[in-house]
Amino acid sequence: MAEHSRQPILSGQKALVVGIANEHSIAYGCARAFREQGAELAVTYLNDKARPYVEPLARELGAELLLPLDVSKPGELEAVFSAIQQRWGELHTLVHAIAFAPKEDLQGRLVDCSAAGFSIAMDISCHSFIRMARLAAPLMRNGGTLFTMSFHGAQKVVSHYNVMGPVKAALEASCRYLAWELGPQQIRVHAISPGPLRTRAASGLKDFDQLVDEAARRAPLGQLVDIGDVGQLCAYLASPYGRHLTGDTLYLDAGVHLMG
């Protein structure tokens, strides 16, 4: 019997991936997995300083759109979705993989966090996802999938995670409410919670190397995950195989979150 080649599970999908900084970014792992599974890509870069690092990756992935996006700048987010509307007229998948807090607030105690620092962290790391969902939903006329990235520090105290703990907890709660509100449109929403990964964003956490080593030691599977693992999970969830899953925080950490 002749073998039949299996069609990529994201064939025909249009995906926007926000948060690629370099080849170590979670967002890059997602974009690569989406492309391998047949999706067409739009990717963003933070600013002119970041573009030389992102542009070669976008070219390698065959991205149809490469767009600037600093969510703290008025109008840039709207411009991204306007470009997608003009180029594709639809969107199936969105990955939000951005987070930020001022260094002094990130590395200091939560009790000492400034109001301004907390507001910036919440706006960029959490509310920007809500804004993206609002702009993406009209383009997802036949349903779609929204992803954002969290961490176990949203649910349990993780030393040195500080202000990002409450911020990521708010992000996970936002996913649940968005899943409820957008479910009638067949739009699914997922918070992915990977184990610690050596990304540029994570390098801002105090004693991050110690956190990575501890996770590897405590993981029931005895290993760490990587950006490719995150990308493959998101590709699965964005495919028809994940059509009845929504609203959960999905741990991808080799079981570290199970441990007391």
C-alpha atoms as a PDB file:
ATOM      1  CA  MET A   1       0.000   0.000   0.000  1.00  0.00           C
ATOM      2  CA  ALA A   2       1.375   3.399  -0.953  1.00  0.00           C
ATOM      3  CA  GLU A   3       2.134   5.768   1.901  1.00  0.00           C
ATOM      4  CA  HIS A   4       0.251   9.043   1.969  1.00  0.00           C
ATOM      5  CA  SER A   5       2.138  12.138   3.096  1.00  0.00           C
ATOM      6  CA  ARG A   6       0.506  13.816   6.068  1.00  0.00           C
ATOM      7  CA  GLN A   7      -0.534  17.423   5.542  1.00  0.00           C
ATOM      8  CA  PRO A   8       1.047  19.867   8.004  1.00  0.00           C
ATOM      9  CA  ILE A   9      -1.384  20.496  10.851  1.00  0.00           C
ATOM     10  CA  LEU A  10      -1.308  24.302  10.414  1.00  0.00           C
ATOM     11  CA  SER A  11      -1.542  24.337   6.648  1.00  0.00           C
ATOM     12  CA  GLY A  12      -3.365  27.470   5.485  1.00  0.00           C
ATOM     13  CA  GLN A  13      -3.164  29.230   8.843  1.00  0.00           C
ATOM     14  CA  LYS A  14      -1.929  32.792   9.301  1.00  0.00           C
ATOM     15  CA  ALA A  15       0.031  33.387  12.511  1.00  0.00           C
ATOM     16  CA  LEU A  16       1.285  36.539  14.208  1.00  0.00           C
ATOM     17  CA  VAL A  17       4.219  36.024  16.570  1.00  0.00           C
ATOM     18  CA  VAL A  18       5.175  38.869  18.908  1.00  0.00           C
ATOM     19  CA  GLY A  19       8.304  38.759  21.031  1.00  0.00           C
ATOM     20  CA  ILE A  20      11.221  37.482  18.948  1.00  0.00           C
ATOM     21  CA  ALA A  21      14.434  39.113  20.181  1.00  0.00           C
ATOM     22  CA  ASN A  22      16.936  36.504  18.972  1.00  0.00           C
ATOM     23  CA  GLU A  23      17.255  32.799  18.203  1.00  0.00           C
ATOM     24  CA  HIS A  24      16.890  31.947  21.907  1.00  0.00           C
ATOM     25  CA  SER A  25      13.460  33.566  22.261  1.00  0.00           C
ATOM     26  CA  ILE A  26      10.382  31.509  23.097  1.00  0.00           C
ATOM     27  CA  ALA A  27       8.619  33.416  20.330  1.00  0.00           C
ATOM     28  CA  TYR A  28      11.196  32.178  17.817  1.00  0.00           C
ATOM     29  CA  GLY A  29      10.582  28.588  18.928  1.00  0.00           C
ATOM     30  CA  CYS A  30       6.879  29.128  18.298  1.00  0.00           C
ATOM     31  CA  ALA A  31       7.393  30.783  14.914  1.00  0.00           C
ATOM     32  CA  ARG A  32       9.701  27.980  13.788  1.00  0.00           C
ATOM     33  CA  ALA A  33       7.240  25.275  14.832  1.00  0.00           C
ATOM     34  CA  PHE A  34       4.342  27.081  13.143  1.00  0.00           C
ATOM     35  CA  ARG A  35       6.301  27.408   9.920  1.00  0.00           C
ATOM     36  CA  GLU A  36       7.315  23.744   9.999  1.00  0.00           C
ATOM     37  CA  GLN A  37       3.632  22.877  10.286  1.00  0.00           C
ATOM     38  CA  GLY A  38       2.616  24.955   7.276  1.00  0.00           C
ATOM     39  CA  ALA A  39       1.560  28.318   8.737  1.00  0.00           C
ATOM     40  CA  GLU A  40       2.279  31.648   7.095  1.00  0.00           C
ATOM     41  CA  LEU A  41       3.980  34.083   9.448  1.00  0.00           C
ATOM     42  CA  ALA A  42       3.966  37.706  10.496  1.00  0.00           C
ATOM     43  CA  VAL A  43       6.606  38.598  13.083  1.00  0.00           C
ATOM     44  CA  THR A  44       7.489  41.796  14.933  1.00  0.00           C
ATOM     45  CA  TYR A  45      10.626  43.445  16.254  1.00  0.00           C
ATOM     46  CA  LEU A  46      10.792  45.868  19.164  1.00  0.00           C
ATOM     47  CA  ASN A  47      12.725  48.755  17.606  1.00  0.00           C
ATOM     48  CA  ASP A  48      15.538  49.672  15.210  1.00  0.00           C
ATOM     49  CA  LYS A  49      18.124  48.325  17.647  1.00  0.00           C
ATOM     50  CA  ALA A  50      16.413  44.911  17.673  1.00  0.00           C
ATOM     51  CA  ARG A  51      15.733  44.697  13.938  1.00  0.00           C
ATOM     52  CA  PRO A  52      19.206  43.397  12.887  1.00  0.00           C
ATOM     53  CA  TYR A  53      18.714  40.418  15.219  1.00  0.00           C
ATOM     54  CA  VAL A  54      15.155  39.648  14.167  1.00  0.00           C
ATOM     55  CA  GLU A  55      15.261  40.316  10.438  1.00  0.00           C
ATOM     56  CA  PRO A  56      17.557  37.375   9.550  1.00  0.00           C
ATOM     57  CA  LEU A  57      15.314  35.036  11.540  1.00  0.00           C
ATOM     58  CA  ALA A  58      12.223  36.384   9.790  1.00  0.00           C
ATOM     59  CA  ARG A  59      13.926  35.817   6.444  1.00  0.00           C
ATOM     60  CA  GLU A  60      14.935  32.292   7.429  1.00  0.00           C
ATOM     61  CA  LEU A  61      11.334  31.543   8.396  1.00  0.00           C
ATOM     62  CA  GLY A  62       9.930  33.022   5.207  1.00  0.00           C
ATOM     63  CA  ALA A  63       7.822  35.501   7.174  1.00  0.00           C
ATOM     64  CA  GLU A  64       5.498  37.465   4.922  1.00  0.00           C
ATOM     65  CA  LEU A  65       5.387  40.441   7.270  1.00  0.00           C
ATOM     66  CA  LEU A  66       8.106  41.949   9.476  1.00  0.00           C
ATOM     67  CA  LEU A  67       6.699  44.829  11.480  1.00  0.00           C
ATOM     68  CA  PRO A  68       7.894  47.143  14.267  1.00  0.00           C
ATOM     69  CA  LEU A  69       6.016  46.825  17.542  1.00  0.00           C
ATOM     70  CA  ASP A  70       6.600  48.502  20.863  1.00  0.00           C
ATOM     71  CA  VAL A  71       3.302  48.039  22.703  1.00  0.00           C
ATOM     72  CA  SER A  72       4.061  51.035  24.896  1.00  0.00           C
ATOM     73  CA  LYS A  73       3.971  53.365  21.868  1.00  0.00           C
ATOM     74  CA  PRO A  74       0.481  54.561  20.876  1.00  0.00           C
ATOM     75  CA  GLY A  75      -0.637  53.352  17.473  1.00  0.00           C
ATOM     76  CA  GLU A  76       2.024  50.712  16.822  1.00  0.00           C
ATOM     77  CA  LEU A  77      -0.161  47.794  17.838  1.00  0.00           C
ATOM     78  CA  GLU A  78      -3.025  49.048  15.705  1.00  0.00           C
ATOM     79  CA  ALA A  79      -0.615  49.461  12.760  1.00  0.00           C
ATOM     80  CA  VAL A  80       0.428  45.793  13.017  1.00  0.00           C
ATOM     81  CA  PHE A  81      -3.150  44.572  12.802  1.00  0.00           C
ATOM     82  CA  SER A  82      -3.922  47.005  10.017  1.00  0.00           C
ATOM     83  CA  ALA A  83      -1.028  45.540   8.010  1.00  0.00           C
ATOM     84  CA  ILE A  84      -2.330  42.014   8.652  1.00  0.00           C
ATOM     85  CA  GLN A  85      -5.807  43.049   7.555  1.00  0.00           C
ATOM     86  CA  GLN A  86      -4.419  44.488   4.340  1.00  0.00           C
ATOM     87  CA  ARG A  87      -2.112  41.539   3.585  1.00  0.00           C
ATOM     88  CA  TRP A  88      -4.206  38.579   4.687  1.00  0.00           C
ATOM     89  CA  GLY A  89      -7.638  39.805   5.694  1.00  0.00           C
ATOM     90  CA  GLU A  90      -7.694  37.156   8.430  1.00  0.00           C
ATOM     91  CA  LEU A  91      -5.694  35.721  11.328  1.00  0.00           C
ATOM     92  CA  HIS A  92      -5.766  32.295  12.943  1.00  0.00           C
ATOM     93  CA  THR A  93      -3.078  32.323  15.621  1.00  0.00           C
ATOM     94  CA  LEU A  94      -1.444  34.933  17.850  1.00  0.00           C
ATOM     95  CA  VAL A  95       1.532  34.464  20.162  1.00  0.00           C
ATOM     96  CA  HIS A  96       2.163  37.123  22.828  1.00  0.00           C
ATOM     97  CA  ALA A  97       5.625  36.463  24.284  1.00  0.00           C
ATOM     98  CA  ILE A  98       6.621  39.799  25.748  1.00  0.00           C
ATOM     99  CA  ALA A  99       7.168  40.915  29.316  1.00  0.00           C
ATOM    100  CA  PHE A 100       8.973  43.795  30.979  1.00  0.00           C
ATOM    101  CA  ALA A 101       9.509  45.454  34.349  1.00  0.00           C
ATOM    102  CA  PRO A 102      11.995  48.198  35.216  1.00  0.00           C
ATOM    103  CA  LYS A 103      15.177  46.611  36.544  1.00  0.00           C
ATOM    104  CA  GLU A 104      15.004  48.225  39.965  1.00  0.00           C
ATOM    105  CA  ASP A 105      11.449  46.938  40.456  1.00  0.00           C
ATOM    106  CA  LEU A 106      12.176  43.507  38.970  1.00  0.00           C
ATOM    107  CA  GLN A 107      15.209  42.880  41.149  1.00  0.00           C
ATOM    108  CA  GLY A 108      13.874  44.506  44.302  1.00  0.00           C
ATOM    109  CA  ARG A 109      11.304  43.263  46.803  1.00  0.00           C
ATOM    110  CA  LEU A 110       7.640  43.402  45.823  1.00  0.00           C
ATOM    111  CA  VAL A 111       6.895  45.478  48.927  1.00  0.00           C
ATOM    112  CA  ASP A 112       9.291  48.115  47.590  1.00  0.00           C
ATOM    113  CA  CYS A 113       7.944  48.115  44.017  1.00  0.00           C
ATOM    114  CA  SER A 114       7.065  51.583  42.783  1.00  0.00           C
ATOM    115  CA  ALA A 115       3.598  52.390  41.499  1.00  0.00           C
ATOM    116  CA  ALA A 116       5.098  53.458  38.190  1.00  0.00           C
ATOM    117  CA  GLY A 117       7.129  50.246  37.862  1.00  0.00           C
ATOM    118  CA  PHE A 118       4.130  48.072  38.691  1.00  0.00           C
ATOM    119  CA  SER A 119       2.013  49.934  36.147  1.00  0.00           C
ATOM    120  CA  ILE A 120       4.631  49.508  33.403  1.00  0.00           C
ATOM    121  CA  ALA A 121       5.049  45.803  34.160  1.00  0.00           C
ATOM    122  CA  MET A 122       1.301  45.239  34.117  1.00  0.00           C
ATOM    123  CA  ASP A 123       0.744  47.223  30.935  1.00  0.00           C
ATOM    124  CA  ILE A 124       3.446  45.594  28.830  1.00  0.00           C
ATOM    125  CA  SER A 125       3.298  42.086  30.278  1.00  0.00           C
ATOM    126  CA  CYS A 126      -0.458  41.705  30.756  1.00  0.00           C
ATOM    127  CA  HIS A 127      -2.732  44.412  29.386  1.00  0.00           C
ATOM    128  CA  SER A 128      -0.993  44.356  25.998  1.00  0.00           C
ATOM    129  CA  PHE A 129      -2.289  40.800  25.581  1.00  0.00           C
ATOM    130  CA  ILE A 130      -5.828  41.988  26.207  1.00  0.00           C
ATOM    131  CA  ARG A 131      -5.365  44.747  23.650  1.00  0.00           C
ATOM    132  CA  MET A 132      -4.023  42.238  21.140  1.00  0.00           C
ATOM    133  CA  ALA A 133      -6.998  39.958  21.739  1.00  0.00           C
ATOM    134  CA  ARG A 134      -9.386  42.837  21.062  1.00  0.00           C
ATOM    135  CA  LEU A 135      -7.682  43.580  17.730  1.00  0.00           C
ATOM    136  CA  ALA A 136      -7.233  39.936  16.728  1.00  0.00           C
ATOM    137  CA  ALA A 137     -10.798  38.787  17.381  1.00  0.00           C
ATOM    138  CA  PRO A 138     -12.397  40.537  14.362  1.00  0.00           C
ATOM    139  CA  LEU A 139      -9.817  38.856  12.095  1.00  0.00           C
ATOM    140  CA  MET A 140     -10.570  35.413  13.541  1.00  0.00           C
ATOM    141  CA  ARG A 141     -13.915  35.061  11.818  1.00  0.00           C
ATOM    142  CA  ASN A 142     -13.754  31.267  11.780  1.00  0.00           C
ATOM    143  CA  GLY A 143     -12.149  30.897  15.176  1.00  0.00           C
ATOM    144  CA  GLY A 144      -8.536  30.990  16.240  1.00  0.00           C
ATOM    145  CA  THR A 145      -6.052  30.589  19.061  1.00  0.00           C
ATOM    146  CA  LEU A 146      -4.400  33.149  21.331  1.00  0.00           C
ATOM    147  CA  PHE A 147      -1.271  32.292  23.325  1.00  0.00           C
ATOM    148  CA  THR A 148       0.640  34.087  26.031  1.00  0.00           C
ATOM    149  CA  MET A 149       3.584  32.996  28.158  1.00  0.00           C
ATOM    150  CA  SER A 150       3.520  32.682  31.930  1.00  0.00           C
ATOM    151  CA  PHE A 151       5.681  31.057  34.622  1.00  0.00           C
ATOM    152  CA  HIS A 152       5.147  28.977  37.765  1.00  0.00           C
ATOM    153  CA  GLY A 153       5.908  32.085  39.828  1.00  0.00           C
ATOM    154  CA  ALA A 154       2.352  33.207  39.035  1.00  0.00           C
ATOM    155  CA  GLN A 155       0.983  30.422  41.232  1.00  0.00           C
ATOM    156  CA  LYS A 156       3.718  29.777  43.799  1.00  0.00           C
ATOM    157  CA  VAL A 157       6.399  31.951  45.337  1.00  0.00           C
ATOM    158  CA  VAL A 158       9.606  31.661  43.330  1.00  0.00           C
ATOM    159  CA  SER A 159      12.610  33.377  44.853  1.00  0.00           C
ATOM    160  CA  HIS A 160      13.621  36.553  42.974  1.00  0.00           C
ATOM    161  CA  TYR A 161      10.588  36.508  40.656  1.00  0.00           C
ATOM    162  CA  ASN A 162       9.246  39.447  42.661  1.00  0.00           C
ATOM    163  CA  VAL A 163       6.831  41.811  40.857  1.00  0.00           C
ATOM    164  CA  MET A 164       6.450  39.454  37.899  1.00  0.00           C
ATOM    165  CA  GLY A 165       4.617  36.949  40.120  1.00  0.00           C
ATOM    166  CA  PRO A 166       1.522  39.129  40.611  1.00  0.00           C
ATOM    167  CA  VAL A 167       1.747  40.368  37.023  1.00  0.00           C
ATOM    168  CA  LYS A 168       1.797  36.851  35.557  1.00  0.00           C
ATOM    169  CA  ALA A 169      -1.027  35.833  37.919  1.00  0.00           C
ATOM    170  CA  ALA A 170      -3.085  38.655  36.416  1.00  0.00           C
ATOM    171  CA  LEU A 171      -2.125  37.459  32.942  1.00  0.00           C
ATOM    172  CA  GLU A 172      -3.310  33.907  33.688  1.00  0.00           C
ATOM    173  CA  ALA A 173      -6.607  35.231  35.091  1.00  0.00           C
ATOM    174  CA  SER A 174      -7.008  37.370  31.973  1.00  0.00           C
ATOM    175  CA  CYS A 175      -6.665  34.247  29.836  1.00  0.00           C
ATOM    176  CA  ARG A 176      -9.541  32.593  31.671  1.00  0.00           C
ATOM    177  CA  TYR A 177     -11.832  35.580  31.191  1.00  0.00           C
ATOM    178  CA  LEU A 178     -10.825  36.024  27.558  1.00  0.00           C
ATOM    179  CA  ALA A 179     -11.492  32.318  26.946  1.00  0.00           C
ATOM    180  CA  TRP A 180     -14.986  32.779  28.366  1.00  0.00           C
ATOM    181  CA  GLU A 181     -15.722  35.985  26.461  1.00  0.00           C
ATOM    182  CA  LEU A 182     -14.293  34.859  23.114  1.00  0.00           C
ATOM    183  CA  GLY A 183     -15.410  31.236  23.277  1.00  0.00           C
ATOM    184  CA  PRO A 184     -18.678  31.914  21.396  1.00  0.00           C
ATOM    185  CA  GLN A 185     -16.490  33.045  18.474  1.00  0.00           C
ATOM    186  CA  GLN A 186     -14.565  29.749  18.676  1.00  0.00           C
ATOM    187  CA  ILE A 187     -11.440  31.622  19.776  1.00  0.00           C
ATOM    188  CA  ARG A 188      -9.367  29.616  22.212  1.00  0.00           C
ATOM    189  CA  VAL A 189      -7.007  31.209  24.741  1.00  0.00           C
ATOM    190  CA  HIS A 190      -4.021  29.557  26.422  1.00  0.00           C
ATOM    191  CA  ALA A 191      -1.424  30.582  28.978  1.00  0.00           C
ATOM    192  CA  ILE A 192       1.681  28.450  28.459  1.00  0.00           C
ATOM    193  CA  SER A 193       3.865  28.091  31.540  1.00  0.00           C
ATOM    194  CA  PRO A 194       7.273  26.700  30.551  1.00  0.00           C
ATOM    195  CA  GLY A 195      10.018  25.834  32.962  1.00  0.00           C
ATOM    196  CA  PRO A 196      12.896  28.315  33.201  1.00  0.00           C
ATOM    197  CA  LEU A 197      14.478  28.998  29.821  1.00  0.00           C
ATOM    198  CA  ARG A 198      17.684  30.902  29.097  1.00  0.00           C
ATOM    199  CA  THR A 199      16.139  33.781  27.177  1.00  0.00           C
ATOM    200  CA  ARG A 200      17.236  37.412  27.112  1.00  0.00           C
ATOM    201  CA  ALA A 201      14.210  38.441  29.150  1.00  0.00           C
ATOM    202  CA  ALA A 202      14.954  35.856  31.838  1.00  0.00           C
ATOM    203  CA  SER A 203      18.516  37.097  32.202  1.00  0.00           C
ATOM    204  CA  GLY A 204      17.139  40.134  34.035  1.00  0.00           C
ATOM    205  CA  LEU A 205      16.057  37.960  36.972  1.00  0.00           C
ATOM    206  CA  LYS A 206      18.439  37.883  39.890  1.00  0.00           C
ATOM    207  CA  ASP A 207      20.178  34.489  40.403  1.00  0.00           C
ATOM    208  CA  PHE A 208      18.484  33.066  37.306  1.00  0.00           C
ATOM    209  CA  ASP A 209      21.183  30.425  36.771  1.00  0.00           C
ATOM    210  CA  GLN A 210      20.443  29.077  40.229  1.00  0.00           C
ATOM    211  CA  LEU A 211      16.733  28.877  39.315  1.00  0.00           C
ATOM    212  CA  VAL A 212      17.543  26.875  36.181  1.00  0.00           C
ATOM    213  CA  ASP A 213      19.810  24.460  38.043  1.00  0.00           C
ATOM    214  CA  GLU A 214      17.194  23.928  40.748  1.00  0.00           C
ATOM    215  CA  ALA A 215      14.480  23.223  38.160  1.00  0.00           C
ATOM    216  CA  ALA A 216      16.635  20.621  36.434  1.00  0.00           C
ATOM    217  CA  ARG A 217      17.362  18.942  39.770  1.00  0.00           C
ATOM    218  CA  ARG A 218      13.716  18.812  40.873  1.00  0.00           C
ATOM    219  CA  ALA A 219      12.021  17.898  37.581  1.00  0.00           C
ATOM    220  CA  PRO A 220      10.477  14.400  37.684  1.00  0.00           C
ATOM    221  CA  LEU A 221      11.620  13.891  34.080  1.00  0.00           C
ATOM    222  CA  GLY A 222      15.107  15.019  35.048  1.00  0.00           C
ATOM    223  CA  GLN A 223      15.552  17.543  32.278  1.00  0.00           C
ATOM    224  CA  LEU A 224      14.746  21.059  31.129  1.00  0.00           C
ATOM    225  CA  VAL A 225      12.463  22.063  28.285  1.00  0.00           C
ATOM    226  CA  ASP A 226      13.554  24.291  25.415  1.00  0.00           C
ATOM    227  CA  ILE A 227      11.957  26.775  23.038  1.00  0.00           C
ATOM    228  CA  GLY A 228      11.304  24.025  20.503  1.00  0.00           C
ATOM    229  CA  ASP A 229       9.180  22.172  23.047  1.00  0.00           C
ATOM    230  CA  VAL A 230       7.104  25.309  23.615  1.00  0.00           C
ATOM    231  CA  GLY A 231       6.673  25.811  19.879  1.00  0.00           C
ATOM    232  CA  GLN A 232       5.533  22.246  19.302  1.00  0.00           C
ATOM    233  CA  LEU A 233       2.964  22.467  22.096  1.00  0.00           C
ATOM    234  CA  CYS A 234       1.571  25.711  20.689  1.00  0.00           C
ATOM    235  CA  ALA A 235       1.439  24.265  17.171  1.00  0.00           C
ATOM    236  CA  TYR A 236      -0.572  21.311  18.483  1.00  0.00           C
ATOM    237  CA  LEU A 237      -2.979  23.559  20.402  1.00  0.00           C
ATOM    238  CA  ALA A 238      -3.446  25.844  17.380  1.00  0.00           C
ATOM    239  CA  SER A 239      -4.317  22.880  15.193  1.00  0.00           C
ATOM    240  CA  PRO A 240      -7.667  21.087  14.902  1.00  0.00           C
ATOM    241  CA  TYR A 241      -6.346  18.598  17.479  1.00  0.00           C
ATOM    242  CA  GLY A 242      -6.667  21.306  20.147  1.00  0.00           C
ATOM    243  CA  ARG A 243     -10.080  22.597  19.157  1.00  0.00           C
ATOM    244  CA  HIS A 244     -11.768  21.709  22.462  1.00  0.00           C
ATOM    245  CA  LEU A 245      -9.069  23.043  24.773  1.00  0.00           C
ATOM    246  CA  THR A 246      -9.210  26.583  26.141  1.00  0.00           C
ATOM    247  CA  GLY A 247      -8.710  28.720  29.214  1.00  0.00           C
ATOM    248  CA  ASP A 248      -6.126  26.663  31.075  1.00  0.00           C
ATOM    249  CA  THR A 249      -2.599  27.406  32.170  1.00  0.00           C
ATOM    250  CA  LEU A 250      -0.615  24.601  30.564  1.00  0.00           C
ATOM    251  CA  TYR A 251       2.606  23.651  32.317  1.00  0.00           C
ATOM    252  CA  LEU A 252       5.502  22.577  30.147  1.00  0.00           C
ATOM    253  CA  ASP A 253       8.259  22.099  32.693  1.00  0.00           C
ATOM    254  CA  ALA A 254       9.074  18.367  32.873  1.00  0.00           C
ATOM    255  CA  GLY A 255       6.871  18.208  35.989  1.00  0.00           C
ATOM    256  CA  VAL A 256       8.630  20.788  38.185  1.00  0.00           C
ATOM    257  CA  HIS A 257       5.295  22.413  39.141  1.00  0.00           C
ATOM    258  CA  LEU A 258       4.191  19.149  40.771  1.00  0.00           C
ATOM    259  CA  MET A 259       6.880  19.283  43.418  1.00  0.00           C
ATOM    260  CA  GLY A 260       6.353  20.670  46.899  1.00  0.00           C
END
